[in-house]
């Protein structure tokens, strides 16, 4: 299973539109559009989870592709490591899902 970082999305892109684009390459297991915490509006990127072979084809087929007047930036997401990313408090517990970041 691979997780793709899809950047430079139109801010109006929906999960259905993204899923439709990536289903051309194989089964899409999940789409997670990242929204701003304060406004709830899209931040212009998402993560798409697909099987390995389909994900590689999807990267080749959609990186640089025009979507809503914007050229998508697509690559394999990298798991966040300890100490990476923005601020935020410690502690917490609770949600233990994997965190991914865009390739810089």
C-alpha atoms as a PDB file:
ATOM      1  CA  UNK A   1       0.000   0.000   0.000  1.00  0.00           C
ATOM      2  CA  UNK A   2       1.314   3.457  -0.892  1.00  0.00           C
ATOM      3  CA  UNK A   3       0.082   6.896   0.058  1.00  0.00           C
ATOM      4  CA  UNK A   4       0.384   9.645  -2.543  1.00  0.00           C
ATOM      5  CA  UNK A   5       0.763  13.318  -1.775  1.00  0.00           C
ATOM      6  CA  UNK A   6      -1.285  15.314  -4.299  1.00  0.00           C
ATOM      7  CA  UNK A   7      -0.465  19.011  -4.154  1.00  0.00           C
ATOM      8  CA  UNK A   8      -1.541  22.146  -5.976  1.00  0.00           C
ATOM      9  CA  UNK A   9      -5.154  20.947  -5.999  1.00  0.00           C
ATOM     10  CA  UNK A  10      -7.874  23.410  -6.904  1.00  0.00           C
ATOM     11  CA  UNK A  11      -9.386  24.572  -3.621  1.00  0.00           C
ATOM     12  CA  UNK A  12     -12.794  23.457  -4.925  1.00  0.00           C
ATOM     13  CA  UNK A  13     -11.740  19.845  -5.653  1.00  0.00           C
ATOM     14  CA  UNK A  14     -14.014  17.249  -4.092  1.00  0.00           C
ATOM     15  CA  UNK A  15     -13.232  13.775  -2.819  1.00  0.00           C
ATOM     16  CA  UNK A  16     -15.344  12.350  -5.657  1.00  0.00           C
ATOM     17  CA  UNK A  17     -13.379  14.226  -8.333  1.00  0.00           C
ATOM     18  CA  UNK A  18     -10.055  13.120  -6.881  1.00  0.00           C
ATOM     19  CA  UNK A  19     -11.223   9.532  -6.471  1.00  0.00           C
ATOM     20  CA  UNK A  20     -12.455   9.523 -10.091  1.00  0.00           C
ATOM     21  CA  UNK A  21      -9.102  10.783 -11.354  1.00  0.00           C
ATOM     22  CA  UNK A  22      -7.116   8.135  -9.475  1.00  0.00           C
ATOM     23  CA  UNK A  23      -9.473   5.189 -10.055  1.00  0.00           C
ATOM     24  CA  UNK A  24      -8.282   5.227 -13.690  1.00  0.00           C
ATOM     25  CA  UNK A  25      -5.059   3.690 -12.377  1.00  0.00           C
ATOM     26  CA  UNK A  26      -6.450   1.185  -9.879  1.00  0.00           C
ATOM     27  CA  UNK A  27      -8.394   0.812  -6.660  1.00  0.00           C
ATOM     28  CA  UNK A  28      -8.408   3.878  -4.427  1.00  0.00           C
ATOM     29  CA  UNK A  29      -8.543   2.846  -0.776  1.00  0.00           C
ATOM     30  CA  UNK A  30      -8.931   6.342   0.639  1.00  0.00           C
ATOM     31  CA  UNK A  31      -8.806  10.044  -0.183  1.00  0.00           C
ATOM     32  CA  UNK A  32      -8.113  12.587   2.555  1.00  0.00           C
ATOM     33  CA  UNK A  33      -8.394  16.247   1.603  1.00  0.00           C
ATOM     34  CA  UNK A  34      -6.543  18.403   4.131  1.00  0.00           C
ATOM     35  CA  UNK A  35      -8.575  21.342   5.428  1.00  0.00           C
ATOM     36  CA  UNK A  36      -7.557  24.408   7.387  1.00  0.00           C
ATOM     37  CA  UNK A  37      -8.406  23.957  11.064  1.00  0.00           C
ATOM     38  CA  UNK A  38      -9.818  27.448  11.486  1.00  0.00           C
ATOM     39  CA  UNK A  39     -11.735  27.986   8.239  1.00  0.00           C
ATOM     40  CA  UNK A  40     -12.521  24.389   7.297  1.00  0.00           C
ATOM     41  CA  UNK A  41     -11.546  25.198   3.693  1.00  0.00           C
ATOM     42  CA  UNK A  42      -9.229  23.032   1.614  1.00  0.00           C
ATOM     43  CA  UNK A  43      -5.512  23.760   1.940  1.00  0.00           C
ATOM     44  CA  UNK A  44      -4.966  22.632  -1.667  1.00  0.00           C
ATOM     45  CA  UNK A  45      -3.541  19.174  -1.081  1.00  0.00           C
ATOM     46  CA  UNK A  46      -4.645  15.672  -0.208  1.00  0.00           C
ATOM     47  CA  UNK A  47      -3.432  12.139   0.368  1.00  0.00           C
ATOM     48  CA  UNK A  48      -4.587   9.215  -1.785  1.00  0.00           C
ATOM     49  CA  UNK A  49      -3.994   5.633  -0.643  1.00  0.00           C
ATOM     50  CA  UNK A  50      -3.632   2.974  -3.370  1.00  0.00           C
ATOM     51  CA  UNK A  51      -2.003  -0.411  -4.002  1.00  0.00           C
ATOM     52  CA  UNK A  52       1.709  -0.169  -4.878  1.00  0.00           C
ATOM     53  CA  UNK A  53       1.530  -0.823  -8.639  1.00  0.00           C
ATOM     54  CA  UNK A  54      -1.493   1.421  -9.132  1.00  0.00           C
ATOM     55  CA  UNK A  55       0.147   4.200  -7.120  1.00  0.00           C
ATOM     56  CA  UNK A  56       3.269   4.207  -9.304  1.00  0.00           C
ATOM     57  CA  UNK A  57       1.124   4.405 -12.447  1.00  0.00           C
ATOM     58  CA  UNK A  58      -0.958   7.163 -10.872  1.00  0.00           C
ATOM     59  CA  UNK A  59       2.133   9.247 -10.082  1.00  0.00           C
ATOM     60  CA  UNK A  60       3.329   8.948 -13.683  1.00  0.00           C
ATOM     61  CA  UNK A  61      -0.141   9.656 -15.064  1.00  0.00           C
ATOM     62  CA  UNK A  62      -1.114  12.639 -12.936  1.00  0.00           C
ATOM     63  CA  UNK A  63       2.044  14.502 -11.909  1.00  0.00           C
ATOM     64  CA  UNK A  64       1.911  17.784 -13.824  1.00  0.00           C
ATOM     65  CA  UNK A  65      -1.632  17.102 -15.081  1.00  0.00           C
ATOM     66  CA  UNK A  66      -3.972  20.081 -15.257  1.00  0.00           C
ATOM     67  CA  UNK A  67      -6.898  19.986 -12.840  1.00  0.00           C
ATOM     68  CA  UNK A  68      -9.091  23.053 -12.665  1.00  0.00           C
ATOM     69  CA  UNK A  69      -6.370  25.263 -14.146  1.00  0.00           C
ATOM     70  CA  UNK A  70      -3.665  24.042 -11.745  1.00  0.00           C
ATOM     71  CA  UNK A  71      -0.842  21.579 -12.467  1.00  0.00           C
ATOM     72  CA  UNK A  72      -0.893  18.805  -9.890  1.00  0.00           C
ATOM     73  CA  UNK A  73       2.268  17.895  -7.980  1.00  0.00           C
ATOM     74  CA  UNK A  74       2.147  14.207  -7.151  1.00  0.00           C
ATOM     75  CA  UNK A  75       4.667  12.001  -5.373  1.00  0.00           C
ATOM     76  CA  UNK A  76       4.827   9.299  -2.758  1.00  0.00           C
ATOM     77  CA  UNK A  77       4.112  10.678   0.691  1.00  0.00           C
ATOM     78  CA  UNK A  78       6.750  10.129   3.323  1.00  0.00           C
ATOM     79  CA  UNK A  79       5.831   9.200   6.857  1.00  0.00           C
ATOM     80  CA  UNK A  80       6.465  11.997   9.340  1.00  0.00           C
ATOM     81  CA  UNK A  81       9.357  11.383  11.676  1.00  0.00           C
ATOM     82  CA  UNK A  82       9.634  12.416  15.299  1.00  0.00           C
ATOM     83  CA  UNK A  83      10.233  16.133  15.589  1.00  0.00           C
ATOM     84  CA  UNK A  84       9.163  16.985  12.047  1.00  0.00           C
ATOM     85  CA  UNK A  85       6.275  19.225  11.185  1.00  0.00           C
ATOM     86  CA  UNK A  86       4.815  22.240  12.894  1.00  0.00           C
ATOM     87  CA  UNK A  87       4.189  23.063  16.493  1.00  0.00           C
ATOM     88  CA  UNK A  88       1.431  21.615  18.551  1.00  0.00           C
ATOM     89  CA  UNK A  89       1.439  20.385  22.064  1.00  0.00           C
ATOM     90  CA  UNK A  90       2.640  17.028  23.189  1.00  0.00           C
ATOM     91  CA  UNK A  91       0.830  14.299  24.999  1.00  0.00           C
ATOM     92  CA  UNK A  92      -2.546  13.415  23.704  1.00  0.00           C
ATOM     93  CA  UNK A  93      -2.753   9.708  23.110  1.00  0.00           C
ATOM     94  CA  UNK A  94      -5.916   8.872  21.197  1.00  0.00           C
ATOM     95  CA  UNK A  95      -5.581   8.714  17.427  1.00  0.00           C
ATOM     96  CA  UNK A  96      -2.599   6.608  16.397  1.00  0.00           C
ATOM     97  CA  UNK A  97      -3.054   6.694  12.618  1.00  0.00           C
ATOM     98  CA  UNK A  98       0.021   7.092  10.449  1.00  0.00           C
ATOM     99  CA  UNK A  99       0.968  10.666   9.626  1.00  0.00           C
ATOM    100  CA  UNK A 100       2.302  11.586   6.225  1.00  0.00           C
ATOM    101  CA  UNK A 101       3.951  14.681   4.871  1.00  0.00           C
ATOM    102  CA  UNK A 102       4.501  16.026   1.420  1.00  0.00           C
ATOM    103  CA  UNK A 103       7.834  15.481  -0.286  1.00  0.00           C
ATOM    104  CA  UNK A 104       9.841  18.693  -0.121  1.00  0.00           C
END
